[in-house]
C-alpha atoms as a PDB file:
ATOM      1  CA  UNK A   1       0.000   0.000   0.000  1.00  0.00           C
ATOM      2  CA  UNK A   2       2.718   2.458   0.767  1.00  0.00           C
ATOM      3  CA  UNK A   3       4.282   1.904  -2.537  1.00  0.00           C
ATOM      4  CA  UNK A   4       0.969   2.406  -4.306  1.00  0.00           C
ATOM      5  CA  UNK A   5       0.213   5.610  -2.329  1.00  0.00           C
ATOM      6  CA  UNK A   6       3.553   7.065  -3.087  1.00  0.00           C
ATOM      7  CA  UNK A   7       3.210   6.224  -6.697  1.00  0.00           C
ATOM      8  CA  UNK A   8      -0.224   7.835  -6.842  1.00  0.00           C
ATOM      9  CA  UNK A   9       0.891  11.002  -5.067  1.00  0.00           C
ATOM     10  CA  UNK A  10       3.560  11.555  -7.690  1.00  0.00           C
ATOM     11  CA  UNK A  11       2.183  10.236 -10.908  1.00  0.00           C
ATOM     12  CA  UNK A  12      -1.552  10.599 -10.421  1.00  0.00           C
ATOM     13  CA  UNK A  13      -4.017  13.262  -9.241  1.00  0.00           C
ATOM     14  CA  UNK A  14      -7.485  13.325  -7.852  1.00  0.00           C
ATOM     15  CA  UNK A  15     -10.397  13.741 -10.200  1.00  0.00           C
ATOM     16  CA  UNK A  16     -11.421  17.368 -10.759  1.00  0.00           C
ATOM     17  CA  UNK A  17      -8.104  18.841  -9.578  1.00  0.00           C
ATOM     18  CA  UNK A  18      -5.285  20.522 -11.545  1.00  0.00           C
ATOM     19  CA  UNK A  19      -1.836  19.145 -11.901  1.00  0.00           C
ATOM     20  CA  UNK A  20       1.145  20.845 -10.249  1.00  0.00           C
ATOM     21  CA  UNK A  21       2.242  22.259 -13.602  1.00  0.00           C
ATOM     22  CA  UNK A  22      -1.178  23.898 -14.057  1.00  0.00           C
ATOM     23  CA  UNK A  23      -0.978  25.317 -10.501  1.00  0.00           C
ATOM     24  CA  UNK A  24       2.398  26.926 -11.234  1.00  0.00           C
ATOM     25  CA  UNK A  25       1.168  28.381 -14.505  1.00  0.00           C
ATOM     26  CA  UNK A  26      -1.926  29.864 -12.803  1.00  0.00           C
ATOM     27  CA  UNK A  27       0.225  31.355 -10.039  1.00  0.00           C
ATOM     28  CA  UNK A  28       2.580  32.930 -12.548  1.00  0.00           C
ATOM     29  CA  UNK A  29      -0.311  34.522 -14.476  1.00  0.00           C
ATOM     30  CA  UNK A  30      -1.848  35.942 -11.294  1.00  0.00           C
ATOM     31  CA  UNK A  31       1.455  37.422 -10.174  1.00  0.00           C
ATOM     32  CA  UNK A  32       1.979  39.088 -13.538  1.00  0.00           C
ATOM     33  CA  UNK A  33      -1.541  40.599 -13.566  1.00  0.00           C
ATOM     34  CA  UNK A  34      -1.433  42.066 -10.010  1.00  0.00           C
ATOM     35  CA  UNK A  35       1.829  41.503  -8.180  1.00  0.00           C
ATOM     36  CA  UNK A  36       0.856  43.593  -5.145  1.00  0.00           C
ATOM     37  CA  UNK A  37      -2.386  41.687  -4.515  1.00  0.00           C
ATOM     38  CA  UNK A  38      -0.647  38.353  -4.894  1.00  0.00           C
ATOM     39  CA  UNK A  39       2.097  39.440  -2.542  1.00  0.00           C
ATOM     40  CA  UNK A  40      -0.377  40.484   0.163  1.00  0.00           C
ATOM     41  CA  UNK A  41      -2.304  37.244  -0.306  1.00  0.00           C
ATOM     42  CA  UNK A  42       0.755  35.302   0.660  1.00  0.00           C
ATOM     43  CA  UNK A  43       1.510  37.396   3.759  1.00  0.00           C
ATOM     44  CA  UNK A  44       0.453  36.491   7.265  1.00  0.00           C
ATOM     45  CA  UNK A  45      -2.954  37.418   8.618  1.00  0.00           C
ATOM     46  CA  UNK A  46      -1.652  40.503  10.515  1.00  0.00           C
ATOM     47  CA  UNK A  47       0.149  41.903   7.506  1.00  0.00           C
ATOM     48  CA  UNK A  48      -2.826  41.146   5.304  1.00  0.00           C
ATOM     49  CA  UNK A  49      -5.173  43.075   7.601  1.00  0.00           C
ATOM     50  CA  UNK A  50      -2.856  46.085   8.020  1.00  0.00           C
ATOM     51  CA  UNK A  51      -0.543  46.013   5.064  1.00  0.00           C
ATOM     52  CA  UNK A  52       2.441  48.278   5.229  1.00  0.00           C
ATOM     53  CA  UNK A  53       3.694  50.057   2.154  1.00  0.00           C
ATOM     54  CA  UNK A  54       6.365  48.381   0.157  1.00  0.00           C
ATOM     55  CA  UNK A  55       9.834  49.348   1.264  1.00  0.00           C
ATOM     56  CA  UNK A  56      12.518  49.361  -1.326  1.00  0.00           C
ATOM     57  CA  UNK A  57      16.030  48.613  -0.232  1.00  0.00           C
ATOM     58  CA  UNK A  58      17.830  51.876   0.621  1.00  0.00           C
ATOM     59  CA  UNK A  59      20.548  52.833  -1.754  1.00  0.00           C
ATOM     60  CA  UNK A  60      23.852  54.157  -0.469  1.00  0.00           C
ATOM     61  CA  UNK A  61      23.971  57.983  -0.360  1.00  0.00           C
ATOM     62  CA  UNK A  62      26.249  59.215  -3.129  1.00  0.00           C
ATOM     63  CA  UNK A  63      29.241  61.208  -2.011  1.00  0.00           C
ATOM     64  CA  UNK A  64      28.777  64.891  -3.068  1.00  0.00           C
ATOM     65  CA  UNK A  65      31.240  66.123  -5.595  1.00  0.00           C
ATOM     66  CA  UNK A  66      33.117  69.277  -4.670  1.00  0.00           C
ATOM     67  CA  UNK A  67      33.867  71.386  -7.689  1.00  0.00           C
ATOM     68  CA  UNK A  68      36.782  73.745  -7.380  1.00  0.00           C
ATOM     69  CA  UNK A  69      36.681  76.838  -9.591  1.00  0.00           C
ATOM     70  CA  UNK A  70      40.074  78.020 -10.667  1.00  0.00           C
ATOM     71  CA  UNK A  71      40.114  81.769 -11.217  1.00  0.00           C
ATOM     72  CA  UNK A  72      42.774  83.069 -13.526  1.00  0.00           C
ATOM     73  CA  UNK A  73      44.447  86.140 -12.090  1.00  0.00           C
ATOM     74  CA  UNK A  74      45.698  88.645 -14.593  1.00  0.00           C
ATOM     75  CA  UNK A  75      48.300  91.243 -13.921  1.00  0.00           C
ATOM     76  CA  UNK A  76      46.768  94.659 -13.355  1.00  0.00           C
ATOM     77  CA  UNK A  77      48.215  98.084 -13.509  1.00  0.00           C
ATOM     78  CA  UNK A  78      49.699  98.887 -10.062  1.00  0.00           C
ATOM     79  CA  UNK A  79      48.238 102.393 -10.267  1.00  0.00           C
ATOM     80  CA  UNK A  80      44.740 100.896 -10.482  1.00  0.00           C
ATOM     81  CA  UNK A  81      45.044  98.401  -7.613  1.00  0.00           C
ATOM     82  CA  UNK A  82      44.763 101.049  -4.904  1.00  0.00           C
ATOM     83  CA  UNK A  83      41.467 102.429  -6.252  1.00  0.00           C
ATOM     84  CA  UNK A  84      39.360  99.242  -6.214  1.00  0.00           C
ATOM     85  CA  UNK A  85      37.081  99.957  -3.243  1.00  0.00           C
ATOM     86  CA  UNK A  86      34.374 102.409  -4.173  1.00  0.00           C
ATOM     87  CA  UNK A  87      34.401 105.613  -2.115  1.00  0.00           C
ATOM     88  CA  UNK A  88      37.195 104.209   0.045  1.00  0.00           C
ATOM     89  CA  UNK A  89      40.112 105.997  -1.580  1.00  0.00           C
ATOM     90  CA  UNK A  90      43.553 105.758  -0.055  1.00  0.00           C
ATOM     91  CA  UNK A  91      46.473 107.406  -1.752  1.00  0.00           C
ATOM     92  CA  UNK A  92      49.297 104.910  -2.033  1.00  0.00           C
ATOM     93  CA  UNK A  93      52.994 105.237  -2.677  1.00  0.00           C
ATOM     94  CA  UNK A  94      52.662 105.193  -6.459  1.00  0.00           C
ATOM     95  CA  UNK A  95      52.437 108.970  -6.632  1.00  0.00           C
ATOM     96  CA  UNK A  96      50.139 111.122  -8.704  1.00  0.00           C
ATOM     97  CA  UNK A  97      48.614 109.808 -11.923  1.00  0.00           C
ATOM     98  CA  UNK A  98      49.291 112.009 -14.972  1.00  0.00           C
ATOM     99  CA  UNK A  99      47.180 111.628 -18.104  1.00  0.00           C
ATOM    100  CA  UNK A 100      48.037 113.654 -21.194  1.00  0.00           C
ATOM    101  CA  UNK A 101      45.098 114.076 -23.578  1.00  0.00           C
ATOM    102  CA  UNK A 102      44.888 115.811 -26.919  1.00  0.00           C
ATOM    103  CA  UNK A 103      42.662 118.926 -26.755  1.00  0.00           C
ATOM    104  CA  UNK A 104      40.957 117.794 -29.977  1.00  0.00           C
ATOM    105  CA  UNK A 105      39.576 114.693 -28.253  1.00  0.00           C
ATOM    106  CA  UNK A 106      41.306 112.034 -30.347  1.00  0.00           C
ATOM    107  CA  UNK A 107      42.350 109.930 -27.355  1.00  0.00           C
ATOM    108  CA  UNK A 108      39.537 110.255 -24.836  1.00  0.00           C
ATOM    109  CA  UNK A 109      39.919 106.571 -23.987  1.00  0.00           C
ATOM    110  CA  UNK A 110      42.802 107.651 -21.750  1.00  0.00           C
ATOM    111  CA  UNK A 111      40.269 109.251 -19.395  1.00  0.00           C
ATOM    112  CA  UNK A 112      38.826 105.936 -18.179  1.00  0.00           C
ATOM    113  CA  UNK A 113      41.257 105.669 -15.231  1.00  0.00           C
ATOM    114  CA  UNK A 114      40.427 109.248 -14.273  1.00  0.00           C
ATOM    115  CA  UNK A 115      36.707 108.465 -14.102  1.00  0.00           C
ATOM    116  CA  UNK A 116      37.450 105.425 -11.928  1.00  0.00           C
ATOM    117  CA  UNK A 117      39.577 107.508  -9.590  1.00  0.00           C
ATOM    118  CA  UNK A 118      36.882 110.163  -9.181  1.00  0.00           C
ATOM    119  CA  UNK A 119      34.296 107.505  -8.375  1.00  0.00           C
ATOM    120  CA  UNK A 120      36.695 106.085  -5.794  1.00  0.00           C
ATOM    121  CA  UNK A 121      37.040 109.418  -3.979  1.00  0.00           C
ATOM    122  CA  UNK A 122      40.183 110.865  -5.535  1.00  0.00           C
ATOM    123  CA  UNK A 123      40.920 114.586  -5.839  1.00  0.00           C
ATOM    124  CA  UNK A 124      42.528 115.811  -9.042  1.00  0.00           C
ATOM    125  CA  UNK A 125      42.882 118.536 -11.664  1.00  0.00           C
ATOM    126  CA  UNK A 126      41.113 118.693 -15.028  1.00  0.00           C
ATOM    127  CA  UNK A 127      40.983 121.393 -17.714  1.00  0.00           C
ATOM    128  CA  UNK A 128      37.926 123.523 -18.446  1.00  0.00           C
ATOM    129  CA  UNK A 129      37.117 126.082 -21.118  1.00  0.00           C
ATOM    130  CA  UNK A 130      38.767 128.766 -18.957  1.00  0.00           C
ATOM    131  CA  UNK A 131      41.448 127.635 -16.468  1.00  0.00           C
ATOM    132  CA  UNK A 132      42.318 124.383 -14.704  1.00  0.00           C
ATOM    133  CA  UNK A 133      40.135 123.275 -11.789  1.00  0.00           C
ATOM    134  CA  UNK A 134      40.605 121.014  -8.787  1.00  0.00           C
ATOM    135  CA  UNK A 135      37.656 118.600  -8.752  1.00  0.00           C
ATOM    136  CA  UNK A 136      36.187 115.749  -6.734  1.00  0.00           C
ATOM    137  CA  UNK A 137      32.978 113.766  -6.391  1.00  0.00           C
ATOM    138  CA  UNK A 138      29.950 115.830  -5.364  1.00  0.00           C
ATOM    139  CA  UNK A 139      28.577 113.337  -2.808  1.00  0.00           C
ATOM    140  CA  UNK A 140      31.869 112.295  -1.184  1.00  0.00           C
ATOM    141  CA  UNK A 141      32.277 114.380   1.965  1.00  0.00           C
ATOM    142  CA  UNK A 142      35.794 113.158   2.669  1.00  0.00           C
ATOM    143  CA  UNK A 143      36.890 114.142  -0.827  1.00  0.00           C
ATOM    144  CA  UNK A 144      35.430 117.631  -0.401  1.00  0.00           C
ATOM    145  CA  UNK A 145      37.354 118.107   2.832  1.00  0.00           C
ATOM    146  CA  UNK A 146      40.553 116.925   1.153  1.00  0.00           C
ATOM    147  CA  UNK A 147      39.945 119.351  -1.722  1.00  0.00           C
ATOM    148  CA  UNK A 148      39.709 122.236   0.754  1.00  0.00           C
ATOM    149  CA  UNK A 149      42.937 121.184   2.470  1.00  0.00           C
ATOM    150  CA  UNK A 150      44.829 120.783  -0.816  1.00  0.00           C
ATOM    151  CA  UNK A 151      43.652 124.147  -2.134  1.00  0.00           C
ATOM    152  CA  UNK A 152      44.157 125.788   1.260  1.00  0.00           C
ATOM    153  CA  UNK A 153      40.747 127.455   1.333  1.00  0.00           C
ATOM    154  CA  UNK A 154      38.681 128.125   4.425  1.00  0.00           C
ATOM    155  CA  UNK A 155      35.409 126.361   5.120  1.00  0.00           C
ATOM    156  CA  UNK A 156      33.456 129.601   4.746  1.00  0.00           C
ATOM    157  CA  UNK A 157      34.298 129.785   1.030  1.00  0.00           C
ATOM    158  CA  UNK A 158      31.541 128.217  -1.084  1.00  0.00           C
ATOM    159  CA  UNK A 159      32.400 125.839  -3.903  1.00  0.00           C
ATOM    160  CA  UNK A 160      31.078 125.612  -7.459  1.00  0.00           C
ATOM    161  CA  UNK A 161      29.870 122.562  -9.347  1.00  0.00           C
ATOM    162  CA  UNK A 162      30.578 121.393 -12.907  1.00  0.00           C
ATOM    163  CA  UNK A 163      27.349 120.149 -14.489  1.00  0.00           C
ATOM    164  CA  UNK A 164      26.762 117.855 -17.441  1.00  0.00           C
ATOM    165  CA  UNK A 165      23.522 119.441 -18.583  1.00  0.00           C
ATOM    166  CA  UNK A 166      20.739 121.842 -17.689  1.00  0.00           C
ATOM    167  CA  UNK A 167      19.003 118.949 -15.970  1.00  0.00           C
ATOM    168  CA  UNK A 168      21.795 118.841 -13.376  1.00  0.00           C
ATOM    169  CA  UNK A 169      21.375 122.568 -12.797  1.00  0.00           C
ATOM    170  CA  UNK A 170      17.631 122.063 -12.224  1.00  0.00           C
ATOM    171  CA  UNK A 171      18.386 119.224  -9.785  1.00  0.00           C
ATOM    172  CA  UNK A 172      20.819 121.059  -7.497  1.00  0.00           C
ATOM    173  CA  UNK A 173      19.430 124.592  -7.849  1.00  0.00           C
ATOM    174  CA  UNK A 174      16.046 126.242  -8.263  1.00  0.00           C
ATOM    175  CA  UNK A 175      16.885 126.876 -11.919  1.00  0.00           C
ATOM    176  CA  UNK A 176      16.579 129.907 -14.142  1.00  0.00           C
ATOM    177  CA  UNK A 177      13.420 132.085 -14.317  1.00  0.00           C
ATOM    178  CA  UNK A 178      11.097 131.015 -17.121  1.00  0.00           C
ATOM    179  CA  UNK A 179       9.416 134.406 -17.472  1.00  0.00           C
ATOM    180  CA  UNK A 180       5.804 135.484 -17.013  1.00  0.00           C
ATOM    181  CA  UNK A 181       3.053 137.124 -18.995  1.00  0.00           C
ATOM    182  CA  UNK A 182       3.616 140.329 -17.009  1.00  0.00           C
ATOM    183  CA  UNK A 183       6.753 141.085 -18.992  1.00  0.00           C
ATOM    184  CA  UNK A 184       9.394 139.229 -16.972  1.00  0.00           C
ATOM    185  CA  UNK A 185      12.143 137.980 -19.282  1.00  0.00           C
ATOM    186  CA  UNK A 186      12.567 134.289 -19.977  1.00  0.00           C
ATOM    187  CA  UNK A 187      16.107 133.901 -18.645  1.00  0.00           C
ATOM    188  CA  UNK A 188      16.068 130.139 -19.141  1.00  0.00           C
ATOM    189  CA  UNK A 189      15.694 130.511 -22.890  1.00  0.00           C
ATOM    190  CA  UNK A 190      18.506 133.053 -22.988  1.00  0.00           C
ATOM    191  CA  UNK A 191      20.827 130.866 -20.916  1.00  0.00           C
ATOM    192  CA  UNK A 192      20.261 127.893 -23.209  1.00  0.00           C
ATOM    193  CA  UNK A 193      21.872 129.870 -26.042  1.00  0.00           C
ATOM    194  CA  UNK A 194      25.146 130.413 -24.196  1.00  0.00           C
ATOM    195  CA  UNK A 195      25.596 127.093 -22.355  1.00  0.00           C
ATOM    196  CA  UNK A 196      27.892 125.279 -22.471  1.00  0.00           C
ATOM    197  CA  UNK A 197      30.083 128.328 -22.164  1.00  0.00           C
ATOM    198  CA  UNK A 198      32.521 130.313 -19.986  1.00  0.00           C
ATOM    199  CA  UNK A 199      29.956 131.446 -17.409  1.00  0.00           C
ATOM    200  CA  UNK A 200      29.419 130.765 -13.713  1.00  0.00           C
ATOM    201  CA  UNK A 201      25.803 131.354 -12.641  1.00  0.00           C
ATOM    202  CA  UNK A 202      25.033 131.787  -8.948  1.00  0.00           C
ATOM    203  CA  UNK A 203      21.655 130.266  -8.119  1.00  0.00           C
ATOM    204  CA  UNK A 204      19.728 129.292  -4.962  1.00  0.00           C
ATOM    205  CA  UNK A 205      20.596 125.717  -4.049  1.00  0.00           C
ATOM    206  CA  UNK A 206      18.133 122.925  -3.344  1.00  0.00           C
ATOM    207  CA  UNK A 207      18.294 120.260  -0.656  1.00  0.00           C
ATOM    208  CA  UNK A 208      19.978 117.925  -3.144  1.00  0.00           C
ATOM    209  CA  UNK A 209      23.176 119.915  -2.834  1.00  0.00           C
ATOM    210  CA  UNK A 210      25.448 118.551  -0.042  1.00  0.00           C
ATOM    211  CA  UNK A 211      25.972 120.903   2.867  1.00  0.00           C
ATOM    212  CA  UNK A 212      29.739 120.576   2.518  1.00  0.00           C
ATOM    213  CA  UNK A 213      29.493 122.720  -0.610  1.00  0.00           C
ATOM    214  CA  UNK A 214      28.255 125.664   1.443  1.00  0.00           C
ATOM    215  CA  UNK A 215      29.926 124.854   4.749  1.00  0.00           C
ATOM    216  CA  UNK A 216      30.430 127.818   7.054  1.00  0.00           C
ATOM    217  CA  UNK A 217      33.107 127.776   9.740  1.00  0.00           C
ATOM    218  CA  UNK A 218      34.821 124.817  11.392  1.00  0.00           C
ATOM    219  CA  UNK A 219      31.790 123.673  13.384  1.00  0.00           C
ATOM    220  CA  UNK A 220      28.635 121.948  12.189  1.00  0.00           C
ATOM    221  CA  UNK A 221      26.912 125.241  11.389  1.00  0.00           C
ATOM    222  CA  UNK A 222      26.206 125.970   7.758  1.00  0.00           C
ATOM    223  CA  UNK A 223      25.425 129.084   5.801  1.00  0.00           C
ATOM    224  CA  UNK A 224      21.816 130.167   5.952  1.00  0.00           C
ATOM    225  CA  UNK A 225      21.854 131.429   2.375  1.00  0.00           C
ATOM    226  CA  UNK A 226      22.119 128.280   0.290  1.00  0.00           C
ATOM    227  CA  UNK A 227      23.661 129.484  -2.943  1.00  0.00           C
ATOM    228  CA  UNK A 228      26.009 127.754  -5.353  1.00  0.00           C
ATOM    229  CA  UNK A 229      27.836 128.600  -8.562  1.00  0.00           C
ATOM    230  CA  UNK A 230      27.091 126.273 -11.480  1.00  0.00           C
ATOM    231  CA  UNK A 231      29.150 125.783 -14.628  1.00  0.00           C
ATOM    232  CA  UNK A 232      28.774 123.933 -17.935  1.00  0.00           C
ATOM    233  CA  UNK A 233      32.227 124.246 -19.526  1.00  0.00           C
ATOM    234  CA  UNK A 234      32.529 124.177 -23.294  1.00  0.00           C
ATOM    235  CA  UNK A 235      35.610 121.967 -23.233  1.00  0.00           C
ATOM    236  CA  UNK A 236      35.781 118.521 -24.910  1.00  0.00           C
ATOM    237  CA  UNK A 237      37.989 116.976 -22.220  1.00  0.00           C
ATOM    238  CA  UNK A 238      35.865 118.257 -19.345  1.00  0.00           C
ATOM    239  CA  UNK A 239      32.634 117.219 -21.050  1.00  0.00           C
ATOM    240  CA  UNK A 240      33.999 113.723 -21.734  1.00  0.00           C
ATOM    241  CA  UNK A 241      34.744 113.248 -18.037  1.00  0.00           C
ATOM    242  CA  UNK A 242      31.386 114.632 -16.882  1.00  0.00           C
ATOM    243  CA  UNK A 243      29.374 112.499 -19.297  1.00  0.00           C
ATOM    244  CA  UNK A 244      30.876 109.344 -17.790  1.00  0.00           C
ATOM    245  CA  UNK A 245      29.960 110.284 -14.229  1.00  0.00           C
ATOM    246  CA  UNK A 246      26.634 109.928 -12.442  1.00  0.00           C
ATOM    247  CA  UNK A 247      26.847 113.267 -10.639  1.00  0.00           C
ATOM    248  CA  UNK A 248      28.383 116.711 -11.152  1.00  0.00           C
ATOM    249  CA  UNK A 249      31.826 117.577  -9.826  1.00  0.00           C
ATOM    250  CA  UNK A 250      32.808 119.951  -7.053  1.00  0.00           C
ATOM    251  CA  UNK A 251      35.348 122.408  -8.441  1.00  0.00           C
ATOM    252  CA  UNK A 252      37.587 125.307  -7.560  1.00  0.00           C
ATOM    253  CA  UNK A 253      40.165 127.038  -9.733  1.00  0.00           C
ATOM    254  CA  UNK A 254      43.870 126.200  -9.479  1.00  0.00           C
ATOM    255  CA  UNK A 255      45.983 129.090  -8.196  1.00  0.00           C
ATOM    256  CA  UNK A 256      49.391 129.666  -6.721  1.00  0.00           C
ATOM    257  CA  UNK A 257      49.447 129.048  -2.984  1.00  0.00           C
ATOM    258  CA  UNK A 258      50.875 132.442  -1.995  1.00  0.00           C
ATOM    259  CA  UNK A 259      49.491 134.531  -4.847  1.00  0.00           C
ATOM    260  CA  UNK A 260      45.992 135.182  -6.161  1.00  0.00           C
ATOM    261  CA  UNK A 261      46.931 134.127  -9.669  1.00  0.00           C
ATOM    262  CA  UNK A 262      45.861 131.177 -11.785  1.00  0.00           C
ATOM    263  CA  UNK A 263      48.322 128.460 -12.764  1.00  0.00           C
ATOM    264  CA  UNK A 264      48.004 127.800 -16.487  1.00  0.00           C
ATOM    265  CA  UNK A 265      50.736 125.214 -17.056  1.00  0.00           C
ATOM    266  CA  UNK A 266      49.771 121.632 -16.038  1.00  0.00           C
ATOM    267  CA  UNK A 267      53.440 120.752 -15.372  1.00  0.00           C
ATOM    268  CA  UNK A 268      53.677 123.560 -12.831  1.00  0.00           C
ATOM    269  CA  UNK A 269      50.397 122.454 -11.261  1.00  0.00           C
ATOM    270  CA  UNK A 270      51.756 118.935 -10.811  1.00  0.00           C
ATOM    271  CA  UNK A 271      54.990 120.170  -9.251  1.00  0.00           C
ATOM    272  CA  UNK A 272      53.176 122.367  -6.719  1.00  0.00           C
ATOM    273  CA  UNK A 273      50.154 120.253  -5.787  1.00  0.00           C
ATOM    274  CA  UNK A 274      51.471 116.692  -5.915  1.00  0.00           C
ATOM    275  CA  UNK A 275      53.332 117.069  -2.582  1.00  0.00           C
ATOM    276  CA  UNK A 276      50.076 118.374  -1.078  1.00  0.00           C
ATOM    277  CA  UNK A 277      48.224 115.126  -1.837  1.00  0.00           C
ATOM    278  CA  UNK A 278      46.815 115.615  -5.340  1.00  0.00           C
ATOM    279  CA  UNK A 279      45.876 112.231  -6.806  1.00  0.00           C
ATOM    280  CA  UNK A 280      45.745 112.855 -10.562  1.00  0.00           C
ATOM    281  CA  UNK A 281      46.018 115.525 -13.230  1.00  0.00           C
ATOM    282  CA  UNK A 282      44.668 115.591 -16.782  1.00  0.00           C
ATOM    283  CA  UNK A 283      47.076 117.475 -19.017  1.00  0.00           C
ATOM    284  CA  UNK A 284      45.127 119.173 -21.783  1.00  0.00           C
ATOM    285  CA  UNK A 285      47.750 121.726 -22.674  1.00  0.00           C
ATOM    286  CA  UNK A 286      48.444 125.233 -21.414  1.00  0.00           C
ATOM    287  CA  UNK A 287      45.504 127.574 -20.827  1.00  0.00           C
ATOM    288  CA  UNK A 288      45.009 131.325 -21.110  1.00  0.00           C
ATOM    289  CA  UNK A 289      44.514 133.424 -17.980  1.00  0.00           C
ATOM    290  CA  UNK A 290      40.884 134.170 -18.732  1.00  0.00           C
ATOM    291  CA  UNK A 291      38.469 133.012 -16.017  1.00  0.00           C
ATOM    292  CA  UNK A 292      34.742 132.588 -16.352  1.00  0.00           C
ATOM    293  CA  UNK A 293      32.257 135.436 -16.127  1.00  0.00           C
ATOM    294  CA  UNK A 294      30.374 135.248 -12.823  1.00  0.00           C
ATOM    295  CA  UNK A 295      26.680 136.202 -13.000  1.00  0.00           C
ATOM    296  CA  UNK A 296      24.568 136.469  -9.848  1.00  0.00           C
ATOM    297  CA  UNK A 297      21.021 135.223 -10.495  1.00  0.00           C
ATOM    298  CA  UNK A 298      19.730 135.602  -6.922  1.00  0.00           C
ATOM    299  CA  UNK A 299      18.802 139.301  -7.144  1.00  0.00           C
ATOM    300  CA  UNK A 300      16.238 141.213  -9.115  1.00  0.00           C
ATOM    301  CA  UNK A 301      18.421 141.235 -12.241  1.00  0.00           C
ATOM    302  CA  UNK A 302      21.213 138.981 -13.537  1.00  0.00           C
ATOM    303  CA  UNK A 303      24.212 140.899 -12.207  1.00  0.00           C
ATOM    304  CA  UNK A 304      27.784 140.433 -13.376  1.00  0.00           C
ATOM    305  CA  UNK A 305      30.088 140.170 -10.366  1.00  0.00           C
ATOM    306  CA  UNK A 306      33.214 139.403 -12.351  1.00  0.00           C
ATOM    307  CA  UNK A 307      33.761 140.022 -16.028  1.00  0.00           C
ATOM    308  CA  UNK A 308      35.705 137.197 -17.597  1.00  0.00           C
ATOM    309  CA  UNK A 309      35.818 135.226 -20.806  1.00  0.00           C
ATOM    310  CA  UNK A 310      32.046 135.236 -21.258  1.00  0.00           C
ATOM    311  CA  UNK A 311      30.692 138.332 -22.982  1.00  0.00           C
ATOM    312  CA  UNK A 312      28.191 140.639 -21.295  1.00  0.00           C
ATOM    313  CA  UNK A 313      24.754 140.134 -22.846  1.00  0.00           C
ATOM    314  CA  UNK A 314      21.900 142.602 -23.053  1.00  0.00           C
ATOM    315  CA  UNK A 315      19.905 140.909 -20.310  1.00  0.00           C
ATOM    316  CA  UNK A 316      22.782 141.221 -17.812  1.00  0.00           C
ATOM    317  CA  UNK A 317      23.592 144.263 -15.681  1.00  0.00           C
ATOM    318  CA  UNK A 318      26.910 145.304 -14.196  1.00  0.00           C
ATOM    319  CA  UNK A 319      27.189 145.043 -10.424  1.00  0.00           C
ATOM    320  CA  UNK A 320      28.329 148.567  -9.651  1.00  0.00           C
ATOM    321  CA  UNK A 321      25.998 149.247  -6.755  1.00  0.00           C
ATOM    322  CA  UNK A 322      26.770 148.024  -3.235  1.00  0.00           C
ATOM    323  CA  UNK A 323      23.711 145.816  -2.996  1.00  0.00           C
ATOM    324  CA  UNK A 324      24.620 143.816  -6.077  1.00  0.00           C
ATOM    325  CA  UNK A 325      28.195 143.414  -4.922  1.00  0.00           C
ATOM    326  CA  UNK A 326      27.225 142.157  -1.467  1.00  0.00           C
ATOM    327  CA  UNK A 327      24.741 139.604  -2.788  1.00  0.00           C
ATOM    328  CA  UNK A 328      27.403 137.068  -3.489  1.00  0.00           C
ATOM    329  CA  UNK A 329      30.915 138.464  -3.077  1.00  0.00           C
ATOM    330  CA  UNK A 330      33.350 135.803  -4.154  1.00  0.00           C
ATOM    331  CA  UNK A 331      35.429 134.656  -7.080  1.00  0.00           C
ATOM    332  CA  UNK A 332      34.499 131.495  -8.926  1.00  0.00           C
ATOM    333  CA  UNK A 333      36.459 129.194 -11.117  1.00  0.00           C
END
């Protein structure tokens, strides 16, 4: 009997049942159709009731790659290295920078270092359509103080500004009178015909003008009358520098230290002012001792305080009376 039973269990099957090959084929088809259901069906009762989500074997965390950027350093001009930090200018041991430019404007590309120096807070000398001027950035208070020390002028002396356009004049001053229907002359239209030109117009200043431009005394007190002289020089070199700046320049004319006389030779200017801390000079050739014409626009009439290179026009009056002279008694660049 045992031999027969064993033989039946291997080689025979009960009626109505499938063979083991058919069972395997059915299981394979069910697994292919829905592997998740078949997997849960073969789990224990607890896992079947509360199946947990499938957990894939965790992969090893890849080691992050560290990329190293190699920056190529190129050799820079030693004169430019000390002017990298904006508005943090420190004069190094390299001495004063001298840039010689043709008055015709053929090599204005040489002025790029000068623009960078001004933006960094340097104080230097540039030519205008009259005489040479010591200039610095309008909004840099430290540079304005250095300009006063180099020139040797007292704090009570107001400073002028070199403007790029009439828009700058309207920004930092109240502007020129536009005229009225009651017969008042349109000074703005008349001024547009002569600017750029060798004129310095004294106008009431606005709040946009830094107080250092009208500083009065050594304390924190400032002049009550906020007035400033504005210029738009008709000089290609000066205009090229101004057009590459974001703001006008503070300026004052270059004179001998012990004499009230303008210095017209840029070589002489360099010899005198470099030991005093001047940072750069733009050599545009020798100038003629002919300063700008100063016109006071703060009174009832445009009054000429100083006759210079600019011609007297019919809408200007000469300041011969005491009131006109005392309105704004100073010399401008």
